[in-house]
Amino acid sequence: MFTSSIAVYGNLKPPMREDMTPIPEDPYGIAKFAVEQDLRTAHEMFGLDYIVFRPHNVYGEFQNIGDRYRNVVGIFMNQLMMKKPLTIFGDGKQTRAFSYIGDIAPVIANSINNKEARQQIFNIGADKEYNVSTLAKATMDAMGITGEIRYLEARNEVIHAHADHSKAKKVFKMDAAVSLEAGLKKMADWAKKTGIRKSERFKNIEITEKLPPVWLED
């Protein structure tokens, strides 16, 4: 079982479907798609069974909220607890479907027991998309903390990304998803108990050209 990513679709028009030909836009998506191709070939050559999931924008308890580069919900919650502005690249109108971990982790873990899933690729995650500015306000509500929003220069990213999950729902008989508000509340309760996590900056990066300046701040 391999957890790939919606990033393999790149800038294709949403909702992304498994029958679309991936055109990844960045090294992360390229790396994920390369493993998918490797698994397909390994099955053809050696009979290795595989299942590929393409989750997206996953959040929830036990996520590393001290990571300043990934996982926007965790970044927002840590910034709120540190009384720092919530940082958003661009105008905040880019949209994503934020997926609660409790909705997808059990499906992924149990998929190996489903023979119908073998040699198949599945999108998995939330159906309803939100823009990032809306997410910031919803995170404040969940945390019970009102903060400021700091809009930064836009970075090179896909503007709209969400997926069709009809295939996964059919094969895995998935239950109704947790709403964004309920999922954020679950994570917020955990985050407040866990407390602030120091955000370490990656060091010894050889090439910093075109990296967002905020990533280089101490």
Protein backbone atom coordinates (compact mmCIF):
# COMPACT_ATOMS: atom_id res chain seq x y z
CA MET A 1 0.00 0.00 0.00
CA PHE A 2 1.41 3.36 -1.06
CA THR A 3 0.18 6.81 -0.05
CA SER A 4 0.73 8.97 -3.07
CA SER A 5 -0.84 12.44 -3.37
CA ILE A 6 -3.31 14.56 -5.29
CA ALA A 7 -0.16 16.48 -6.29
CA VAL A 8 0.36 13.99 -9.14
CA TYR A 9 -2.48 15.70 -11.04
CA GLY A 10 -0.71 19.04 -11.08
CA ASN A 11 -2.83 21.82 -12.55
CA LEU A 12 -5.49 19.64 -14.15
CA LYS A 13 -9.06 20.91 -13.86
CA PRO A 14 -10.79 19.68 -10.70
CA PRO A 15 -12.36 17.52 -9.59
CA MET A 16 -9.38 15.26 -10.27
CA ARG A 17 -10.30 11.69 -11.26
CA GLU A 18 -8.22 8.55 -11.28
CA ASP A 19 -8.71 8.13 -15.04
CA MET A 20 -6.94 11.43 -15.73
CA THR A 21 -3.33 11.32 -16.97
CA PRO A 22 -1.19 12.89 -14.22
CA ILE A 23 0.87 15.96 -15.07
CA PRO A 24 2.66 16.83 -11.80
CA GLU A 25 3.77 20.45 -11.42
CA ASP A 26 6.50 20.10 -8.80
CA PRO A 27 9.24 17.69 -7.60
CA TYR A 28 6.98 16.34 -4.85
CA GLY A 29 4.26 15.32 -7.30
CA ILE A 30 6.85 13.93 -9.70
CA ALA A 31 8.37 11.77 -6.95
CA LYS A 32 4.96 10.41 -5.93
CA PHE A 33 4.02 9.60 -9.52
CA ALA A 34 7.39 7.91 -10.07
CA VAL A 35 6.67 5.47 -7.22
CA GLU A 36 3.22 4.78 -8.65
CA GLN A 37 4.84 3.87 -11.97
CA ASP A 38 7.43 1.73 -10.22
CA LEU A 39 4.69 -0.24 -8.44
CA ARG A 40 2.81 -0.79 -11.68
CA THR A 41 5.95 -2.12 -13.33
CA ALA A 42 6.83 -4.28 -10.33
CA HIS A 43 3.42 -5.92 -10.57
CA GLU A 44 3.81 -6.55 -14.29
CA MET A 45 7.33 -7.95 -13.92
CA PHE A 46 7.24 -9.71 -10.56
CA GLY A 47 3.58 -10.05 -9.57
CA LEU A 48 3.84 -7.62 -6.64
CA ASP A 49 0.38 -6.64 -5.43
CA TYR A 50 -0.14 -2.95 -4.66
CA ILE A 51 -2.77 -0.35 -3.78
CA VAL A 52 -2.24 3.37 -4.34
CA PHE A 53 -4.06 6.11 -2.46
CA ARG A 54 -3.97 9.77 -3.45
CA PRO A 55 -4.97 11.69 -0.28
CA HIS A 56 -4.89 15.47 -0.07
CA ASN A 57 -4.52 18.23 2.52
CA VAL A 58 -4.73 15.89 5.50
CA TYR A 59 -4.94 17.33 9.01
CA GLY A 60 -5.68 16.03 12.49
CA GLU A 61 -4.34 15.04 15.86
CA PHE A 62 -0.66 14.10 16.19
CA GLN A 63 0.36 16.08 13.11
CA ASN A 64 3.65 17.93 13.47
CA ILE A 65 2.44 21.45 14.18
CA GLY A 66 6.05 22.58 14.48
CA ASP A 67 6.66 22.12 10.76
CA ARG A 68 6.73 25.60 9.22
CA TYR A 69 6.78 24.31 5.64
CA ARG A 70 3.90 21.83 5.45
CA ASN A 71 0.41 21.19 6.79
CA VAL A 72 -1.34 24.54 6.82
CA VAL A 73 -3.80 23.70 9.61
CA GLY A 74 -0.96 22.79 11.97
CA ILE A 75 0.93 25.93 10.98
CA PHE A 76 -2.12 28.08 11.70
CA MET A 77 -2.75 26.50 15.12
CA ASN A 78 0.88 26.86 16.19
CA GLN A 79 0.94 30.48 15.02
CA LEU A 80 -2.22 31.25 16.99
CA MET A 81 -0.79 29.76 20.17
CA MET A 82 2.41 31.78 19.65
CA LYS A 83 0.30 34.93 19.13
CA LYS A 84 1.74 35.35 15.65
CA PRO A 85 -0.16 36.35 12.48
CA LEU A 86 -1.45 33.53 10.31
CA THR A 87 0.62 33.56 7.12
CA ILE A 88 -1.12 33.03 3.78
CA PHE A 89 0.60 33.02 0.40
CA GLY A 90 -1.18 35.16 -2.17
CA ASP A 91 -4.75 36.39 -1.77
CA GLY A 92 -6.03 33.33 0.10
CA LYS A 93 -8.53 32.45 -2.61
CA GLN A 94 -6.79 29.20 -3.57
CA THR A 95 -9.02 26.25 -2.72
CA ARG A 96 -8.43 22.84 -1.20
CA ALA A 97 -10.58 20.10 0.32
CA PHE A 98 -9.12 19.65 3.81
CA SER A 99 -9.29 16.00 4.85
CA TYR A 100 -9.61 14.84 8.47
CA ILE A 101 -7.20 12.01 9.29
CA GLY A 102 -9.87 9.97 11.08
CA ASP A 103 -11.84 9.67 7.85
CA ILE A 104 -9.03 8.23 5.76
CA ALA A 105 -6.49 6.45 7.97
CA PRO A 106 -8.75 3.45 8.81
CA VAL A 107 -9.67 3.00 5.14
CA ILE A 108 -6.01 3.00 4.10
CA ALA A 109 -4.99 0.67 6.93
CA ASN A 110 -7.73 -1.87 6.16
CA SER A 111 -7.40 -1.72 2.37
CA ILE A 112 -4.97 -4.65 2.25
CA ASN A 113 -7.85 -6.93 3.25
CA ASN A 114 -9.91 -5.89 0.23
CA LYS A 115 -8.96 -7.93 -2.83
CA GLU A 116 -11.04 -5.64 -5.06
CA ALA A 117 -8.63 -2.80 -4.24
CA ARG A 118 -5.47 -4.50 -5.48
CA GLN A 119 -3.72 -2.94 -8.48
CA GLN A 120 -6.03 0.05 -8.15
CA ILE A 121 -5.55 3.78 -7.56
CA PHE A 122 -7.93 5.70 -5.28
CA ASN A 123 -8.44 9.35 -4.53
CA ILE A 124 -9.33 9.71 -0.87
CA GLY A 125 -10.23 12.72 1.24
CA ALA A 126 -12.83 15.39 1.80
CA ASP A 127 -15.36 16.35 -0.86
CA LYS A 128 -16.02 19.99 0.04
CA GLU A 129 -13.42 22.58 -0.88
CA TYR A 130 -12.69 25.82 1.00
CA ASN A 131 -10.40 28.72 0.27
CA VAL A 132 -7.42 29.27 2.54
CA SER A 133 -8.75 32.53 4.00
CA THR A 134 -11.91 30.71 5.08
CA LEU A 135 -9.77 27.98 6.60
CA ALA A 136 -7.83 30.57 8.60
CA LYS A 137 -11.03 32.00 10.09
CA ALA A 138 -12.41 28.50 10.81
CA THR A 139 -9.16 27.60 12.57
CA MET A 140 -9.43 30.69 14.77
CA ASP A 141 -12.97 29.66 15.71
CA ALA A 142 -11.87 26.11 16.55
CA MET A 143 -8.98 27.37 18.69
CA GLY A 144 -11.06 30.09 20.35
CA ILE A 145 -8.34 32.60 19.48
CA THR A 146 -8.72 35.65 17.27
CA GLY A 147 -5.59 36.41 15.30
CA GLU A 148 -4.40 38.53 12.43
CA ILE A 149 -3.83 37.30 8.89
CA ARG A 150 -0.60 38.22 7.11
CA TYR A 151 -0.86 37.92 3.34
CA LEU A 152 2.48 37.16 1.68
CA GLU A 153 3.64 37.26 -1.90
CA ALA A 154 2.04 34.46 -3.91
CA ARG A 155 4.15 31.37 -4.50
CA ASN A 156 4.14 28.97 -7.43
CA GLU A 157 1.34 26.54 -6.58
CA VAL A 158 -1.78 24.98 -8.03
CA ILE A 159 -4.67 27.36 -7.33
CA HIS A 160 -7.60 24.95 -7.19
CA ALA A 161 -7.27 21.29 -6.21
CA HIS A 162 -9.92 18.84 -5.08
CA ALA A 163 -10.74 15.31 -6.14
CA ASP A 164 -13.58 12.98 -7.02
CA HIS A 165 -13.88 10.10 -4.51
CA SER A 166 -16.69 8.04 -6.02
CA LYS A 167 -14.38 5.11 -6.74
CA ALA A 168 -13.13 4.85 -3.13
CA LYS A 169 -16.65 5.22 -1.75
CA LYS A 170 -17.86 2.36 -3.93
CA VAL A 171 -15.03 -0.06 -3.13
CA PHE A 172 -14.60 0.73 0.58
CA LYS A 173 -18.21 1.62 1.52
CA MET A 174 -16.95 4.75 3.28
CA ASP A 175 -19.01 6.46 5.99
CA ALA A 176 -19.99 10.13 5.93
CA ALA A 177 -17.01 12.42 6.42
CA VAL A 178 -16.34 14.58 9.46
CA SER A 179 -17.15 18.24 8.71
CA LEU A 180 -14.33 20.77 8.58
CA GLU A 181 -15.64 22.47 11.71
CA ALA A 182 -15.80 19.21 13.68
CA GLY A 183 -12.40 18.03 12.46
CA LEU A 184 -10.75 21.34 13.31
CA LYS A 185 -12.29 21.23 16.78
CA LYS A 186 -10.88 17.75 17.40
CA MET A 187 -7.42 18.85 16.30
CA ALA A 188 -7.63 22.14 18.20
CA ASP A 189 -8.47 20.39 21.48
CA TRP A 190 -5.44 18.16 21.00
CA ALA A 191 -3.17 21.04 19.92
CA LYS A 192 -4.02 23.14 22.97
CA LYS A 193 -3.16 20.21 25.25
CA THR A 194 0.04 19.54 23.35
CA GLY A 195 1.11 23.17 23.40
CA ILE A 196 3.37 25.28 21.22
CA ARG A 197 5.94 23.46 19.13
CA LYS A 198 9.13 25.26 18.16
CA SER A 199 9.33 25.63 14.40
CA GLU A 200 12.80 24.65 13.24
CA ARG A 201 14.20 26.07 10.03
CA PHE A 202 15.87 23.77 7.53
CA LYS A 203 19.57 24.56 7.49
CA ASN A 204 22.36 24.06 4.99
CA ILE A 205 20.02 24.55 2.03
CA GLU A 206 22.29 25.00 -0.96
CA ILE A 207 19.81 26.78 -3.21
CA THR A 208 17.47 29.38 -1.72
CA GLU A 209 16.51 31.13 -4.95
CA LYS A 210 12.73 31.47 -5.34
CA LEU A 211 12.00 30.03 -1.89
CA PRO A 212 9.34 32.05 0.01
CA PRO A 213 11.25 34.57 2.18
CA VAL A 214 9.17 33.60 5.23
CA TRP A 215 10.72 30.12 5.07
CA LEU A 216 14.15 31.67 5.63
CA GLU A 217 13.15 33.72 8.67
CA ASP A 218 14.44 32.71 12.11
